[in-house]
Amino acid sequence: MFWAVGFGYFGLLSFYADASEKGFRDTLCGTSGCSNGEFFLSVTWLFGVIFLIYILPIVIIIYLVRTRRRKKQK
């Protein structure tokens, strides 16, 4: 899991660096370009991956810690 999060973090950092250099649409679509629909799907995919890799695990960990603390207090 450590490797997956590390590669995900540096991949996201690399994406941000490319997007700031070339532009967001050019980074997502590549040199051949894409239609508005493909761009929308690419953005949706990107945000979904970010949510699954970074946000959802944090929410799950917070939920599990809170439920364990409630069980110990009873």
N, C-alpha and C. Protein backbone atom coordinates (compact mmCIF):
# COMPACT_ATOMS: atom_id res chain seq x y z
N MET A 1 0.83 -1.19 0.00
CA MET A 1 0.00 0.00 0.00
C MET A 1 0.88 1.26 0.00
N PHE A 2 1.99 1.20 0.73
CA PHE A 2 2.90 2.35 0.77
C PHE A 2 3.40 2.68 -0.64
N TRP A 3 3.77 1.65 -1.40
CA TRP A 3 4.26 1.87 -2.76
C TRP A 3 3.17 2.45 -3.64
N ALA A 4 1.95 1.94 -3.50
CA ALA A 4 0.84 2.42 -4.33
C ALA A 4 0.56 3.90 -4.06
N VAL A 5 0.53 4.28 -2.80
CA VAL A 5 0.27 5.68 -2.46
C VAL A 5 1.43 6.55 -2.91
N GLY A 6 2.65 6.06 -2.75
CA GLY A 6 3.83 6.82 -3.17
C GLY A 6 3.84 7.05 -4.67
N PHE A 7 3.60 5.99 -5.44
CA PHE A 7 3.56 6.15 -6.90
C PHE A 7 2.39 7.03 -7.31
N GLY A 8 1.27 6.90 -6.63
CA GLY A 8 0.12 7.75 -6.93
C GLY A 8 0.41 9.22 -6.65
N TYR A 9 1.09 9.48 -5.52
CA TYR A 9 1.41 10.85 -5.15
C TYR A 9 2.37 11.48 -6.15
N PHE A 10 3.43 10.76 -6.50
CA PHE A 10 4.39 11.32 -7.44
C PHE A 10 3.83 11.39 -8.85
N GLY A 11 2.93 10.48 -9.19
CA GLY A 11 2.25 10.56 -10.48
C GLY A 11 1.36 11.79 -10.56
N LEU A 12 0.66 12.07 -9.47
CA LEU A 12 -0.19 13.26 -9.42
C LEU A 12 0.65 14.53 -9.45
N LEU A 13 1.79 14.51 -8.77
CA LEU A 13 2.70 15.64 -8.78
C LEU A 13 3.25 15.88 -10.19
N SER A 14 3.59 14.80 -10.87
CA SER A 14 4.08 14.90 -12.25
C SER A 14 2.99 15.43 -13.18
N PHE A 15 1.76 14.96 -12.98
CA PHE A 15 0.65 15.46 -13.78
C PHE A 15 0.46 16.95 -13.58
N TYR A 16 0.53 17.40 -12.33
CA TYR A 16 0.37 18.82 -12.03
C TYR A 16 1.49 19.65 -12.69
N ALA A 17 2.71 19.13 -12.66
CA ALA A 17 3.83 19.85 -13.28
C ALA A 17 3.64 19.94 -14.79
N ASP A 18 3.21 18.84 -15.42
CA ASP A 18 2.95 18.86 -16.86
C ASP A 18 1.80 19.79 -17.20
N ALA A 19 0.74 19.76 -16.39
CA ALA A 19 -0.43 20.60 -16.66
C ALA A 19 -0.08 22.07 -16.51
N SER A 20 0.77 22.42 -15.57
CA SER A 20 1.14 23.83 -15.41
C SER A 20 2.05 24.29 -16.54
N GLU A 21 2.77 23.34 -17.15
CA GLU A 21 3.67 23.69 -18.23
C GLU A 21 2.94 23.73 -19.58
N LYS A 22 2.17 22.70 -19.88
CA LYS A 22 1.51 22.58 -21.19
C LYS A 22 0.07 23.07 -21.21
N GLY A 23 -0.59 22.98 -20.09
CA GLY A 23 -2.02 23.28 -20.01
C GLY A 23 -2.77 22.01 -19.63
N PHE A 24 -3.89 22.18 -18.97
CA PHE A 24 -4.65 21.05 -18.44
C PHE A 24 -5.21 20.17 -19.56
N ARG A 25 -5.82 20.79 -20.56
CA ARG A 25 -6.44 20.02 -21.64
C ARG A 25 -5.40 19.29 -22.48
N ASP A 26 -4.29 19.94 -22.78
CA ASP A 26 -3.24 19.29 -23.56
C ASP A 26 -2.61 18.12 -22.80
N THR A 27 -2.53 18.24 -21.49
CA THR A 27 -1.96 17.16 -20.69
C THR A 27 -2.90 15.96 -20.67
N LEU A 28 -4.19 16.19 -20.52
CA LEU A 28 -5.14 15.08 -20.50
C LEU A 28 -5.35 14.46 -21.87
N CYS A 29 -5.42 15.26 -22.91
CA CYS A 29 -5.76 14.75 -24.24
C CYS A 29 -4.55 14.28 -25.03
N GLY A 30 -3.38 14.72 -24.71
CA GLY A 30 -2.20 14.33 -25.45
C GLY A 30 -2.03 15.18 -26.70
N THR A 31 -1.14 14.74 -27.58
CA THR A 31 -0.82 15.54 -28.78
C THR A 31 -1.90 15.44 -29.84
N SER A 32 -2.69 14.36 -29.85
CA SER A 32 -3.72 14.21 -30.88
C SER A 32 -4.99 14.99 -30.55
N GLY A 33 -5.15 15.44 -29.32
CA GLY A 33 -6.34 16.18 -28.93
C GLY A 33 -7.52 15.26 -28.67
N CYS A 34 -8.61 15.83 -28.21
CA CYS A 34 -9.81 15.04 -27.95
C CYS A 34 -11.03 15.95 -28.02
N SER A 35 -12.19 15.33 -28.15
CA SER A 35 -13.44 16.09 -28.21
C SER A 35 -13.83 16.53 -26.81
N ASN A 36 -14.88 17.34 -26.72
CA ASN A 36 -15.35 17.79 -25.41
C ASN A 36 -15.85 16.63 -24.56
N GLY A 37 -16.49 15.66 -25.18
CA GLY A 37 -16.98 14.50 -24.44
C GLY A 37 -15.84 13.67 -23.87
N GLU A 38 -14.82 13.44 -24.68
CA GLU A 38 -13.65 12.70 -24.21
C GLU A 38 -12.92 13.46 -23.11
N PHE A 39 -12.86 14.77 -23.24
CA PHE A 39 -12.22 15.59 -22.21
C PHE A 39 -12.99 15.49 -20.90
N PHE A 40 -14.32 15.57 -20.98
CA PHE A 40 -15.16 15.44 -19.78
C PHE A 40 -14.95 14.08 -19.11
N LEU A 41 -14.91 13.01 -19.90
CA LEU A 41 -14.70 11.68 -19.35
C LEU A 41 -13.30 11.55 -18.74
N SER A 42 -12.31 12.17 -19.35
CA SER A 42 -10.95 12.14 -18.80
C SER A 42 -10.87 12.86 -17.47
N VAL A 43 -11.53 14.01 -17.38
CA VAL A 43 -11.55 14.76 -16.12
C VAL A 43 -12.29 13.97 -15.05
N THR A 44 -13.41 13.35 -15.43
CA THR A 44 -14.17 12.53 -14.48
C THR A 44 -13.33 11.36 -13.99
N TRP A 45 -12.62 10.70 -14.89
CA TRP A 45 -11.75 9.60 -14.52
C TRP A 45 -10.65 10.07 -13.57
N LEU A 46 -10.04 11.20 -13.87
CA LEU A 46 -8.96 11.73 -13.04
C LEU A 46 -9.45 12.02 -11.62
N PHE A 47 -10.58 12.70 -11.49
CA PHE A 47 -11.11 13.01 -10.17
C PHE A 47 -11.56 11.76 -9.43
N GLY A 48 -12.08 10.78 -10.16
CA GLY A 48 -12.46 9.51 -9.53
C GLY A 48 -11.26 8.78 -8.96
N VAL A 49 -10.18 8.75 -9.71
CA VAL A 49 -8.96 8.09 -9.24
C VAL A 49 -8.40 8.83 -8.03
N ILE A 50 -8.39 10.15 -8.08
CA ILE A 50 -7.90 10.93 -6.93
C ILE A 50 -8.75 10.66 -5.71
N PHE A 51 -10.06 10.58 -5.90
CA PHE A 51 -10.97 10.30 -4.77
C PHE A 51 -10.70 8.92 -4.19
N LEU A 52 -10.56 7.92 -5.06
CA LEU A 52 -10.36 6.55 -4.58
C LEU A 52 -9.00 6.34 -3.92
N ILE A 53 -7.97 7.02 -4.40
CA ILE A 53 -6.63 6.80 -3.86
C ILE A 53 -6.37 7.62 -2.60
N TYR A 54 -6.86 8.84 -2.56
CA TYR A 54 -6.48 9.74 -1.47
C TYR A 54 -7.58 10.05 -0.48
N ILE A 55 -8.78 10.30 -0.94
CA ILE A 55 -9.83 10.77 -0.04
C ILE A 55 -10.56 9.61 0.64
N LEU A 56 -10.97 8.60 -0.12
CA LEU A 56 -11.73 7.49 0.44
C LEU A 56 -10.96 6.72 1.52
N PRO A 57 -9.68 6.40 1.34
CA PRO A 57 -8.97 5.72 2.44
C PRO A 57 -8.91 6.53 3.73
N ILE A 58 -8.76 7.83 3.62
CA ILE A 58 -8.73 8.67 4.82
C ILE A 58 -10.08 8.64 5.53
N VAL A 59 -11.16 8.70 4.76
CA VAL A 59 -12.50 8.65 5.35
C VAL A 59 -12.72 7.30 6.03
N ILE A 60 -12.30 6.22 5.40
CA ILE A 60 -12.47 4.89 5.99
C ILE A 60 -11.66 4.75 7.27
N ILE A 61 -10.43 5.25 7.27
CA ILE A 61 -9.60 5.17 8.48
C ILE A 61 -10.22 5.97 9.61
N ILE A 62 -10.72 7.16 9.33
CA ILE A 62 -11.37 7.97 10.36
C ILE A 62 -12.59 7.25 10.91
N TYR A 63 -13.38 6.65 10.04
CA TYR A 63 -14.57 5.91 10.48
C TYR A 63 -14.19 4.73 11.37
N LEU A 64 -13.18 3.97 10.97
CA LEU A 64 -12.77 2.81 11.76
C LEU A 64 -12.21 3.22 13.12
N VAL A 65 -11.43 4.28 13.17
CA VAL A 65 -10.87 4.75 14.44
C VAL A 65 -11.99 5.21 15.36
N ARG A 66 -12.96 5.92 14.84
CA ARG A 66 -14.06 6.40 15.69
C ARG A 66 -14.91 5.25 16.21
N THR A 67 -15.17 4.25 15.39
CA THR A 67 -15.98 3.12 15.87
C THR A 67 -15.22 2.31 16.93
N ARG A 68 -13.91 2.17 16.78
CA ARG A 68 -13.13 1.46 17.81
C ARG A 68 -13.10 2.24 19.12
N ARG A 69 -12.98 3.53 19.03
CA ARG A 69 -12.97 4.35 20.26
C ARG A 69 -14.32 4.28 20.97
N ARG A 70 -15.40 4.27 20.23
CA ARG A 70 -16.74 4.16 20.86
C ARG A 70 -16.91 2.82 21.53
N LYS A 71 -16.40 1.75 20.92
CA LYS A 71 -16.52 0.43 21.52
C LYS A 71 -15.69 0.34 22.80
N LYS A 72 -14.51 0.96 22.83
CA LYS A 72 -13.67 0.93 24.02
C LYS A 72 -14.26 1.75 25.16
N GLN A 73 -15.00 2.81 24.85
CA GLN A 73 -15.57 3.66 25.88
C GLN A 73 -16.76 3.00 26.54
N LYS A 74 -17.40 2.08 25.91
CA LYS A 74 -18.61 1.44 26.48
C LYS A 74 -18.27 0.39 27.47
